C-alpha atoms as a PDB file:
ATOM      1  CA  MET A   1     213.583  13.324 -19.106  1.00  0.00           C
ATOM      2  CA  HIS A   2     215.623  11.605 -16.764  1.00  0.00           C
ATOM      3  CA  LEU A   3     218.676  14.816 -15.567  1.00  0.00           C
ATOM      4  CA  LEU A   4     221.296  13.828 -12.832  1.00  0.00           C
ATOM      5  CA  HIS A   5     223.756  15.573 -11.047  1.00  0.00           C
ATOM      6  CA  PHE A   6     227.237  12.874 -10.448  1.00  0.00           C
ATOM      7  CA  SER A   7     230.814  13.333 -10.626  1.00  0.00           C
ATOM      8  CA  GLU A   8     233.634  12.201 -12.410  1.00  0.00           C
ATOM      9  CA  ASP A   9     236.950  11.942 -11.643  1.00  0.00           C
ATOM     10  CA  GLY A  10     236.752  13.673  -8.254  1.00  0.00           C
ATOM     11  CA  HIS A  11     235.385  17.350 -10.132  1.00  0.00           C
ATOM     12  CA  GLY A  12     231.732  17.921  -9.778  1.00  0.00           C
ATOM     13  CA  PRO A  13     228.971  17.022  -9.424  1.00  0.00           C
ATOM     14  CA  ALA A  14     228.119  17.962 -13.324  1.00  0.00           C
ATOM     15  CA  LEU A  15     225.351  17.955 -14.551  1.00  0.00           C
ATOM     16  CA  GLY A  16     223.578  14.213 -16.772  1.00  0.00           C
ATOM     17  CA  LEU A  17     220.723  13.097 -18.528  1.00  0.00           C
ATOM     18  CA  LYS A  18     220.390   9.670 -18.504  1.00  0.00           C
ATOM     19  CA  THR A  19     220.330   7.449 -22.330  1.00  0.00           C
ATOM     20  CA  ALA A  20     220.366   4.867 -24.059  1.00  0.00           C
ATOM     21  CA  ARG A  21     224.360   4.819 -24.968  1.00  0.00           C
ATOM     22  CA  GLY A  22     225.295   6.362 -20.411  1.00  0.00           C
ATOM     23  CA  ILE A  23     224.977   9.642 -19.632  1.00  0.00           C
ATOM     24  CA  PHE A  24     225.100  12.581 -21.354  1.00  0.00           C
ATOM     25  CA  ASN A  25     227.360  14.849 -19.953  1.00  0.00           C
ATOM     26  CA  LEU A  26     225.554  18.458 -20.484  1.00  0.00           C
ATOM     27  CA  HIS A  27     228.957  20.569 -18.907  1.00  0.00           C
ATOM     28  CA  ARG A  28     231.483  18.868 -21.041  1.00  0.00           C
ATOM     29  CA  ALA A  29     228.990  19.088 -24.796  1.00  0.00           C
ATOM     30  CA  ALA A  30     228.302  22.512 -23.666  1.00  0.00           C
ATOM     31  CA  MET A  31     231.866  23.202 -23.608  1.00  0.00           C
ATOM     32  CA  LYS A  32     232.825  21.112 -27.309  1.00  0.00           C
ATOM     33  CA  LEU A  33     229.868  22.625 -28.986  1.00  0.00           C
ATOM     34  CA  ASP A  34     230.577  26.305 -27.308  1.00  0.00           C
ATOM     35  CA  GLU A  35     227.059  26.712 -26.224  1.00  0.00           C
ATOM     36  CA  PRO A  36     225.858  27.740 -22.694  1.00  0.00           C
ATOM     37  CA  ILE A  37     223.805  25.366 -20.550  1.00  0.00           C
ATOM     38  CA  PRO A  38     222.460  25.356 -16.796  1.00  0.00           C
ATOM     39  CA  ALA A  39     224.447  24.141 -13.949  1.00  0.00           C
ATOM     40  CA  ASP A  40     222.213  22.027 -12.390  1.00  0.00           C
ATOM     41  CA  VAL A  41     218.661  21.225 -11.935  1.00  0.00           C
ATOM     42  CA  HIS A  42     217.914  23.691 -10.241  1.00  0.00           C
ATOM     43  CA  GLU A  43     218.647  26.351 -13.466  1.00  0.00           C
ATOM     44  CA  ILE A  44     216.901  24.326 -15.660  1.00  0.00           C
ATOM     45  CA  ILE A  45     213.793  24.701 -12.945  1.00  0.00           C
ATOM     46  CA  ALA A  46     214.455  28.193 -13.532  1.00  0.00           C
ATOM     47  CA  ASP A  47     214.196  28.824 -16.598  1.00  0.00           C
ATOM     48  CA  GLY A  48     210.985  26.209 -17.517  1.00  0.00           C
ATOM     49  CA  GLU A  49     210.642  24.470 -21.026  1.00  0.00           C
ATOM     50  CA  ALA A  50     213.539  27.021 -22.219  1.00  0.00           C
ATOM     51  CA  GLY A  51     216.026  25.759 -19.908  1.00  0.00           C
ATOM     52  CA  LEU A  52     214.714  21.563 -21.473  1.00  0.00           C
ATOM     53  CA  ASP A  53     215.456  22.790 -25.314  1.00  0.00           C
ATOM     54  CA  ARG A  54     218.127  23.452 -24.430  1.00  0.00           C
ATOM     55  CA  ILE A  55     219.484  19.957 -23.554  1.00  0.00           C
ATOM     56  CA  ARG A  56     217.226  18.601 -26.135  1.00  0.00           C
ATOM     57  CA  ALA A  57     219.376  21.159 -29.013  1.00  0.00           C
ATOM     58  CA  LEU A  58     222.655  19.885 -27.102  1.00  0.00           C
ATOM     59  CA  LEU A  59     221.578  16.145 -27.594  1.00  0.00           C
ATOM     60  CA  ALA A  60     220.810  16.671 -31.122  1.00  0.00           C
ATOM     61  CA  GLY A  61     223.693  18.345 -32.096  1.00  0.00           C
ATOM     62  CA  ALA A  62     226.432  16.540 -30.331  1.00  0.00           C
ATOM     63  CA  GLY A  63     225.983  13.522 -32.471  1.00  0.00           C
ATOM     64  CA  ASP A  64     227.606  10.076 -31.353  1.00  0.00           C
ATOM     65  CA  LEU A  65     230.953  11.926 -30.001  1.00  0.00           C
ATOM     66  CA  ASP A  66     231.274   8.686 -27.916  1.00  0.00           C
ATOM     67  CA  GLU A  67     233.487  11.590 -25.332  1.00  0.00           C
ATOM     68  CA  LEU A  68     230.121  13.042 -24.086  1.00  0.00           C
ATOM     69  CA  TYR A  69     228.980   9.610 -23.010  1.00  0.00           C
ATOM     70  CA  THR A  70     230.238   8.073 -19.749  1.00  0.00           C
ATOM     71  CA  SER A  71     228.966   4.495 -18.119  1.00  0.00           C
ATOM     72  CA  GLU A  72     226.508   4.821 -14.580  1.00  0.00           C
ATOM     73  CA  GLU A  73     229.265   2.218 -13.369  1.00  0.00           C
ATOM     74  CA  GLU A  74     231.974   5.009 -13.799  1.00  0.00           C
ATOM     75  CA  VAL A  75     230.675   8.107 -11.853  1.00  0.00           C
ATOM     76  CA  ARG A  76     229.252   9.256  -8.701  1.00  0.00           C
ATOM     77  CA  PHE A  77     225.840  10.013  -7.847  1.00  0.00           C
ATOM     78  CA  ALA A  78     225.146  12.941  -6.197  1.00  0.00           C
ATOM     79  CA  PRO A  79     221.511  14.327  -4.460  1.00  0.00           C
ATOM     80  CA  SER A  80     219.140  14.958  -8.037  1.00  0.00           C
ATOM     81  CA  VAL A  81     217.830  18.128  -5.988  1.00  0.00           C
ATOM     82  CA  LEU A  82     221.311  19.549  -4.755  1.00  0.00           C
ATOM     83  CA  ARG A  83     219.837  22.621  -2.876  1.00  0.00           C
ATOM     84  CA  PRO A  84     216.135  23.540  -2.180  1.00  0.00           C
ATOM     85  CA  GLN A  85     214.833  25.773   0.161  1.00  0.00           C
ATOM     86  CA  LYS A  86     212.769  23.247   1.451  1.00  0.00           C
ATOM     87  CA  ILE A  87     212.553  19.626   2.042  1.00  0.00           C
ATOM     88  CA  VAL A  88     208.633  19.195   3.543  1.00  0.00           C
ATOM     89  CA  CYS A  89     208.102  14.800   4.502  1.00  0.00           C
ATOM     90  CA  VAL A  90     204.220  13.749   4.795  1.00  0.00           C
ATOM     91  CA  GLY A  91     203.965  11.025   7.829  1.00  0.00           C
ATOM     92  CA  LEU A  92     201.059   7.969   7.398  1.00  0.00           C
ATOM     93  CA  ASN A  93     200.054   8.915   3.935  1.00  0.00           C
ATOM     94  CA  TYR A  94     198.942   5.113   3.160  1.00  0.00           C
ATOM     95  CA  ILE A  95     196.637   3.233   5.200  1.00  0.00           C
ATOM     96  CA  SER A  96     198.087   0.143   5.732  1.00  0.00           C
ATOM     97  CA  HIS A  97     200.621   1.821   7.286  1.00  0.00           C
ATOM     98  CA  ALA A  98     199.139   4.362   9.550  1.00  0.00           C
ATOM     99  CA  GLU A  99     197.145   0.543  10.759  1.00  0.00           C
ATOM    100  CA  GLU A 100     200.703  -1.515  10.700  1.00  0.00           C
ATOM    101  CA  SER A 101     202.269   2.086  12.798  1.00  0.00           C
ATOM    102  CA  LYS A 102     199.139   2.119  15.239  1.00  0.00           C
ATOM    103  CA  MET A 103     199.029   5.386  14.735  1.00  0.00           C
ATOM    104  CA  GLU A 104     195.229   7.162  13.568  1.00  0.00           C
ATOM    105  CA  ILE A 105     194.396   7.629  10.265  1.00  0.00           C
ATOM    106  CA  PRO A 106     195.057  11.453  10.009  1.00  0.00           C
ATOM    107  CA  LYS A 107     191.498  13.132   8.672  1.00  0.00           C
ATOM    108  CA  SER A 108     194.819  15.749   7.412  1.00  0.00           C
ATOM    109  CA  PRO A 109     198.209  15.875   6.159  1.00  0.00           C
ATOM    110  CA  ILE A 110     200.458  15.520   9.428  1.00  0.00           C
ATOM    111  CA  LEU A 111     203.988  17.393   7.840  1.00  0.00           C
ATOM    112  CA  PHE A 112     207.097  17.709   9.132  1.00  0.00           C
ATOM    113  CA  ASN A 113     210.983  18.592   7.562  1.00  0.00           C
ATOM    114  CA  LYS A 114     214.151  17.639   7.154  1.00  0.00           C
ATOM    115  CA  TYR A 115     216.917  19.902   6.130  1.00  0.00           C
ATOM    116  CA  ASN A 116     219.791  19.799   3.349  1.00  0.00           C
ATOM    117  CA  ASN A 117     222.376  17.383   5.500  1.00  0.00           C
ATOM    118  CA  ALA A 118     220.084  14.866   5.401  1.00  0.00           C
ATOM    119  CA  LEU A 119     220.252  14.665   0.912  1.00  0.00           C
ATOM    120  CA  THR A 120     222.845  12.248  -0.444  1.00  0.00           C
ATOM    121  CA  GLY A 121     223.099  10.603  -3.357  1.00  0.00           C
ATOM    122  CA  HIS A 122     222.491   7.146  -5.085  1.00  0.00           C
ATOM    123  CA  GLY A 123     224.965   4.412  -4.619  1.00  0.00           C
ATOM    124  CA  ASN A 124     226.384   6.759  -1.458  1.00  0.00           C
ATOM    125  CA  PRO A 125     226.769   5.284   1.761  1.00  0.00           C
ATOM    126  CA  VAL A 126     224.685   6.605   4.898  1.00  0.00           C
ATOM    127  CA  HIS A 127     226.734   7.048   8.428  1.00  0.00           C
ATOM    128  CA  LEU A 128     224.574   6.319  10.952  1.00  0.00           C
ATOM    129  CA  PRO A 129     224.999   8.518  14.505  1.00  0.00           C
ATOM    130  CA  GLU A 130     225.840   6.703  17.488  1.00  0.00           C
ATOM    131  CA  ASP A 131     223.377   7.386  19.671  1.00  0.00           C
ATOM    132  CA  ALA A 132     220.568   5.373  17.755  1.00  0.00           C
ATOM    133  CA  HIS A 133     219.623   2.137  17.211  1.00  0.00           C
ATOM    134  CA  GLN A 134     216.499   1.522  15.719  1.00  0.00           C
ATOM    135  CA  PHE A 135     217.599   2.549  12.454  1.00  0.00           C
ATOM    136  CA  ASP A 136     214.575   2.201   9.504  1.00  0.00           C
ATOM    137  CA  TYR A 137     213.428   2.534   5.773  1.00  0.00           C
ATOM    138  CA  GLU A 138     210.529   4.649   3.892  1.00  0.00           C
ATOM    139  CA  ALA A 139     210.236   3.986  -0.035  1.00  0.00           C
ATOM    140  CA  GLU A 140     208.751   7.489  -0.988  1.00  0.00           C
ATOM    141  CA  LEU A 141     207.902   9.286  -4.086  1.00  0.00           C
ATOM    142  CA  VAL A 142     209.306  12.579  -4.314  1.00  0.00           C
ATOM    143  CA  ALA A 143     207.344  15.681  -5.691  1.00  0.00           C
ATOM    144  CA  VAL A 144     209.950  18.606  -7.074  1.00  0.00           C
ATOM    145  CA  ILE A 145     208.552  21.743  -7.431  1.00  0.00           C
ATOM    146  CA  GLY A 146     209.235  23.852 -10.776  1.00  0.00           C
ATOM    147  CA  LYS A 147     207.094  27.113 -10.476  1.00  0.00           C
ATOM    148  CA  GLN A 148     206.079  29.083  -7.217  1.00  0.00           C
ATOM    149  CA  ALA A 149     203.161  28.225  -5.581  1.00  0.00           C
ATOM    150  CA  ARG A 150     200.806  29.912  -3.305  1.00  0.00           C
ATOM    151  CA  ASP A 151     197.710  28.453  -1.987  1.00  0.00           C
ATOM    152  CA  VAL A 152     196.625  26.795  -5.671  1.00  0.00           C
ATOM    153  CA  SER A 153     194.083  24.436  -6.376  1.00  0.00           C
ATOM    154  CA  GLU A 154     193.818  20.931  -6.546  1.00  0.00           C
ATOM    155  CA  ASP A 155     192.653  20.599 -10.128  1.00  0.00           C
ATOM    156  CA  GLU A 156     196.306  23.162 -10.629  1.00  0.00           C
ATOM    157  CA  ALA A 157     198.534  21.722  -8.396  1.00  0.00           C
ATOM    158  CA  LEU A 158     200.086  18.822 -10.896  1.00  0.00           C
ATOM    159  CA  ASP A 159     200.743  22.259 -13.381  1.00  0.00           C
ATOM    160  CA  TYR A 160     203.506  23.531 -10.598  1.00  0.00           C
ATOM    161  CA  VAL A 161     205.589  20.020 -10.556  1.00  0.00           C
ATOM    162  CA  PHE A 162     208.786  20.000 -12.548  1.00  0.00           C
ATOM    163  CA  GLY A 163     209.074  16.367 -11.810  1.00  0.00           C
ATOM    164  CA  TYR A 164     209.411  13.057  -9.926  1.00  0.00           C
ATOM    165  CA  THR A 165     212.029  11.500  -7.867  1.00  0.00           C
ATOM    166  CA  ILE A 166     212.815   8.925  -5.721  1.00  0.00           C
ATOM    167  CA  GLY A 167     213.337   8.777  -1.978  1.00  0.00           C
ATOM    168  CA  ASN A 168     214.800   7.248   1.116  1.00  0.00           C
ATOM    169  CA  ASP A 169     212.623   8.891   4.882  1.00  0.00           C
ATOM    170  CA  LEU A 170     215.412   7.018   6.830  1.00  0.00           C
ATOM    171  CA  SER A 171     214.652   7.104  10.819  1.00  0.00           C
ATOM    172  CA  ALA A 172     216.176   6.659  13.692  1.00  0.00           C
ATOM    173  CA  ARG A 173     213.002   5.594  15.413  1.00  0.00           C
ATOM    174  CA  ASP A 174     214.370   5.712  19.130  1.00  0.00           C
ATOM    175  CA  LEU A 175     215.142   9.636  18.482  1.00  0.00           C
ATOM    176  CA  GLN A 176     212.210  10.010  16.784  1.00  0.00           C
ATOM    177  CA  PHE A 177     210.284   9.361  19.331  1.00  0.00           C
ATOM    178  CA  ARG A 178     212.050  10.817  22.593  1.00  0.00           C
ATOM    179  CA  THR A 179     209.922  13.484  22.401  1.00  0.00           C
ATOM    180  CA  GLY A 180     206.542  14.460  20.912  1.00  0.00           C
ATOM    181  CA  GLN A 181     208.286  16.429  18.278  1.00  0.00           C
ATOM    182  CA  TRP A 182     209.836  13.602  15.309  1.00  0.00           C
ATOM    183  CA  MET A 183     212.423  16.282  13.816  1.00  0.00           C
ATOM    184  CA  LEU A 184     215.325  14.504  15.380  1.00  0.00           C
ATOM    185  CA  GLY A 185     214.803  11.142  14.325  1.00  0.00           C
ATOM    186  CA  LYS A 186     214.782  12.272  10.707  1.00  0.00           C
ATOM    187  CA  THR A 187     217.350  15.136   9.065  1.00  0.00           C
ATOM    188  CA  SER A 188     220.403  13.282  10.724  1.00  0.00           C
ATOM    189  CA  ASP A 189     223.026  13.505   7.417  1.00  0.00           C
ATOM    190  CA  GLY A 190     222.301  11.404   4.456  1.00  0.00           C
ATOM    191  CA  PHE A 191     219.005  10.465   6.026  1.00  0.00           C
ATOM    192  CA  ALA A 192     217.402  12.163   2.832  1.00  0.00           C
ATOM    193  CA  PRO A 193     218.570   9.944  -0.275  1.00  0.00           C
ATOM    194  CA  VAL A 194     216.879  10.895  -3.228  1.00  0.00           C
ATOM    195  CA  GLY A 195     217.871   9.963  -6.550  1.00  0.00           C
ATOM    196  CA  PRO A 196     219.589   8.598  -8.781  1.00  0.00           C
ATOM    197  CA  TYR A 197     217.082  10.508 -11.394  1.00  0.00           C
ATOM    198  CA  LEU A 198     214.883  13.645 -11.400  1.00  0.00           C
ATOM    199  CA  VAL A 199     212.444  12.383 -14.007  1.00  0.00           C
ATOM    200  CA  THR A 200     210.246  15.334 -15.581  1.00  0.00           C
ATOM    201  CA  ALA A 201     206.450  15.395 -14.990  1.00  0.00           C
ATOM    202  CA  ASP A 202     205.325  15.048 -18.280  1.00  0.00           C
ATOM    203  CA  ASP A 203     206.971  11.306 -18.460  1.00  0.00           C
ATOM    204  CA  ILE A 204     205.237  10.387 -14.937  1.00  0.00           C
ATOM    205  CA  ASN A 205     201.190   9.524 -13.420  1.00  0.00           C
ATOM    206  CA  PRO A 206     201.973  10.462 -10.133  1.00  0.00           C
ATOM    207  CA  ALA A 207     198.948   9.217  -8.997  1.00  0.00           C
ATOM    208  CA  ASN A 208     200.019   5.051 -10.055  1.00  0.00           C
ATOM    209  CA  LEU A 209     203.185   3.771  -9.873  1.00  0.00           C
ATOM    210  CA  ALA A 210     204.394   0.956  -8.790  1.00  0.00           C
ATOM    211  CA  VAL A 211     206.698   1.609  -5.149  1.00  0.00           C
ATOM    212  CA  GLU A 212     208.974  -1.695  -3.846  1.00  0.00           C
ATOM    213  CA  CYS A 213     211.633  -2.410  -1.294  1.00  0.00           C
ATOM    214  CA  ARG A 214     213.944  -4.519  -0.844  1.00  0.00           C
ATOM    215  CA  VAL A 215     215.861  -4.532   1.622  1.00  0.00           C
ATOM    216  CA  ASN A 216     219.635  -7.117   1.097  1.00  0.00           C
ATOM    217  CA  GLY A 217     217.967  -8.453  -1.278  1.00  0.00           C
ATOM    218  CA  HIS A 218     214.444  -8.998   0.117  1.00  0.00           C
ATOM    219  CA  LEU A 219     211.313  -7.560  -0.409  1.00  0.00           C
ATOM    220  CA  ARG A 220     210.589  -4.993   2.466  1.00  0.00           C
ATOM    221  CA  GLN A 221     207.791  -2.925   0.548  1.00  0.00           C
ATOM    222  CA  SER A 222     205.552  -3.057  -2.451  1.00  0.00           C
ATOM    223  CA  SER A 223     202.412  -1.138  -3.147  1.00  0.00           C
ATOM    224  CA  ASN A 224     200.807   1.640  -5.194  1.00  0.00           C
ATOM    225  CA  THR A 225     200.890   5.431  -5.554  1.00  0.00           C
ATOM    226  CA  LYS A 226     197.120   4.820  -5.949  1.00  0.00           C
ATOM    227  CA  ASP A 227     196.833   3.988  -2.476  1.00  0.00           C
ATOM    228  CA  MET A 228     197.920   7.012  -0.348  1.00  0.00           C
ATOM    229  CA  ILE A 229     195.818   8.857   1.261  1.00  0.00           C
ATOM    230  CA  PHE A 230     196.338  12.522  -0.079  1.00  0.00           C
ATOM    231  CA  ASN A 231     197.954  12.714  -3.784  1.00  0.00           C
ATOM    232  CA  CYS A 232     200.164  14.020  -4.986  1.00  0.00           C
ATOM    233  CA  ALA A 233     197.770  17.526  -6.125  1.00  0.00           C
ATOM    234  CA  TYR A 234     196.089  17.623  -3.722  1.00  0.00           C
ATOM    235  CA  LEU A 235     199.330  18.007  -0.438  1.00  0.00           C
ATOM    236  CA  ILE A 236     200.709  20.164  -2.850  1.00  0.00           C
ATOM    237  CA  SER A 237     197.465  22.163  -3.068  1.00  0.00           C
ATOM    238  CA  TYR A 238     197.457  22.100   1.150  1.00  0.00           C
ATOM    239  CA  ILE A 239     200.712  22.792   1.751  1.00  0.00           C
ATOM    240  CA  SER A 240     200.414  25.707  -0.997  1.00  0.00           C
ATOM    241  CA  LYS A 241     198.149  27.303   1.920  1.00  0.00           C
ATOM    242  CA  TYR A 242     200.628  27.845   4.102  1.00  0.00           C
ATOM    243  CA  MET A 243     203.586  28.023   3.316  1.00  0.00           C
ATOM    244  CA  THR A 244     205.072  29.294  -0.367  1.00  0.00           C
ATOM    245  CA  LEU A 245     205.872  26.856  -2.440  1.00  0.00           C
ATOM    246  CA  GLU A 246     209.577  27.382  -4.153  1.00  0.00           C
ATOM    247  CA  PRO A 247     210.992  25.930  -7.250  1.00  0.00           C
ATOM    248  CA  GLY A 248     213.635  23.623  -6.680  1.00  0.00           C
ATOM    249  CA  ASP A 249     211.463  22.194  -3.203  1.00  0.00           C
ATOM    250  CA  ILE A 250     210.855  19.087  -2.980  1.00  0.00           C
ATOM    251  CA  ILE A 251     207.476  17.196  -1.007  1.00  0.00           C
ATOM    252  CA  PHE A 252     208.303  13.265   0.617  1.00  0.00           C
ATOM    253  CA  THR A 253     204.866  11.710  -0.146  1.00  0.00           C
ATOM    254  CA  GLY A 254     204.686   9.401   2.481  1.00  0.00           C
ATOM    255  CA  THR A 255     205.868   5.449   2.981  1.00  0.00           C
ATOM    256  CA  PRO A 256     203.217   2.517   2.550  1.00  0.00           C
ATOM    257  CA  GLU A 257     202.859  -0.350   4.660  1.00  0.00           C
ATOM    258  CA  GLY A 258     205.636  -2.435   5.070  1.00  0.00           C
ATOM    259  CA  VAL A 259     208.000  -1.035   6.925  1.00  0.00           C
ATOM    260  CA  ILE A 260     210.038  -2.099  10.222  1.00  0.00           C
ATOM    261  CA  LEU A 261     207.970   0.493  13.320  1.00  0.00           C
ATOM    262  CA  GLY A 262     204.768  -1.888  12.133  1.00  0.00           C
ATOM    263  CA  TYR A 263     206.261  -4.942  12.427  1.00  0.00           C
ATOM    264  CA  PRO A 264     205.381  -6.791  15.989  1.00  0.00           C
ATOM    265  CA  GLU A 265     207.674  -5.909  18.713  1.00  0.00           C
ATOM    266  CA  GLU A 266     209.450  -9.012  18.379  1.00  0.00           C
ATOM    267  CA  GLU A 267     209.620  -9.621  14.820  1.00  0.00           C
ATOM    268  CA  GLN A 268     211.760  -5.604  14.289  1.00  0.00           C
ATOM    269  CA  GLU A 269     214.830  -6.308  12.934  1.00  0.00           C
ATOM    270  CA  TRP A 270     216.330  -2.670  13.366  1.00  0.00           C
ATOM    271  CA  LEU A 271     218.858  -1.477   9.740  1.00  0.00           C
ATOM    272  CA  VAL A 272     222.404  -1.636  11.118  1.00  0.00           C
ATOM    273  CA  ALA A 273     225.868  -1.115   9.323  1.00  0.00           C
ATOM    274  CA  GLY A 274     225.728  -3.063   5.882  1.00  0.00           C
ATOM    275  CA  ASP A 275     222.643  -3.389   5.208  1.00  0.00           C
ATOM    276  CA  GLN A 276     221.649  -2.373   1.064  1.00  0.00           C
ATOM    277  CA  ILE A 277     218.482  -1.074   0.402  1.00  0.00           C
ATOM    278  CA  ARG A 278     216.968  -0.226  -2.412  1.00  0.00           C
ATOM    279  CA  ILE A 279     214.089   1.478  -3.505  1.00  0.00           C
ATOM    280  CA  GLU A 280     212.348   1.107  -7.174  1.00  0.00           C
ATOM    281  CA  ILE A 281     209.225   3.080  -8.453  1.00  0.00           C
ATOM    282  CA  GLU A 282     207.803   2.890 -11.488  1.00  0.00           C
ATOM    283  CA  GLY A 283     209.419   5.104 -14.114  1.00  0.00           C
ATOM    284  CA  LEU A 284     211.532   6.183 -11.999  1.00  0.00           C
ATOM    285  CA  GLY A 285     214.476   3.815 -11.884  1.00  0.00           C
ATOM    286  CA  ALA A 286     215.515   2.674  -8.451  1.00  0.00           C
ATOM    287  CA  LEU A 287     217.979   4.237  -5.728  1.00  0.00           C
ATOM    288  CA  GLU A 288     220.328   2.227  -3.746  1.00  0.00           C
ATOM    289  CA  ASN A 289     222.035   2.856  -0.497  1.00  0.00           C
ATOM    290  CA  ALA A 290     224.195   1.454   1.772  1.00  0.00           C
ATOM    291  CA  LEU A 291     224.288   1.476   5.677  1.00  0.00           C
ATOM    292  CA  ALA A 292     227.743   2.474   7.154  1.00  0.00           C
END
């Protein structure tokens, strides 16, 4: 199931479902059929399987009513997850990326954070801060937690995932390495695009997904999540030993090789306003954002 948030005619964000006919407007369908519906994916996550069953029932009850469907070209996407309590990010989680960045291969996951101000949706412009110049992309699989996870085992960890989405861990490298803490270069407004969809976990095997990133149509990253140092199950188990993961929390799981930081210094051409970044992950769609 591909869920999303979108705005239409200046109203929203509303909850939608991607179908072969277009975006199924769940709010409009609920009003038409006089049925209750969760307001966003966080309420669906809270309701568990019952929330997903209500969506399936709405879709079945709507029949062929054209007014309940909208073309993706006619809407503005909001972040696929609107209000996570925590945005946990993992650094250097592919051996090749650690090597290209000339950093030691980690023996434990390297964790840092972003904040909700960094969230933005598919298709929305990202405005670059003026006091920085070394802007970089990072294509990432993002796991969305579905139920409270505290000290869970690796074997059970994926049972705590509601679904997966695409993320771009945008970075200002000159700010990132200004001090020993990475946060400043990671969490400017709009530096965490996520979307377009939140795909429920039953449709995805996170351990074997092709990942690609293109800038202005040119391929920059091409890898597979099977090359992670620490896979999704390990990450969730590890993080949950030190902090309780709550429903709706999101985990950026790291990026593969091919980022600008990994190029020889004389070949580094940092992102600038006007650049278009497209990240595609197998089964999850494509996330596109332009810099402004």
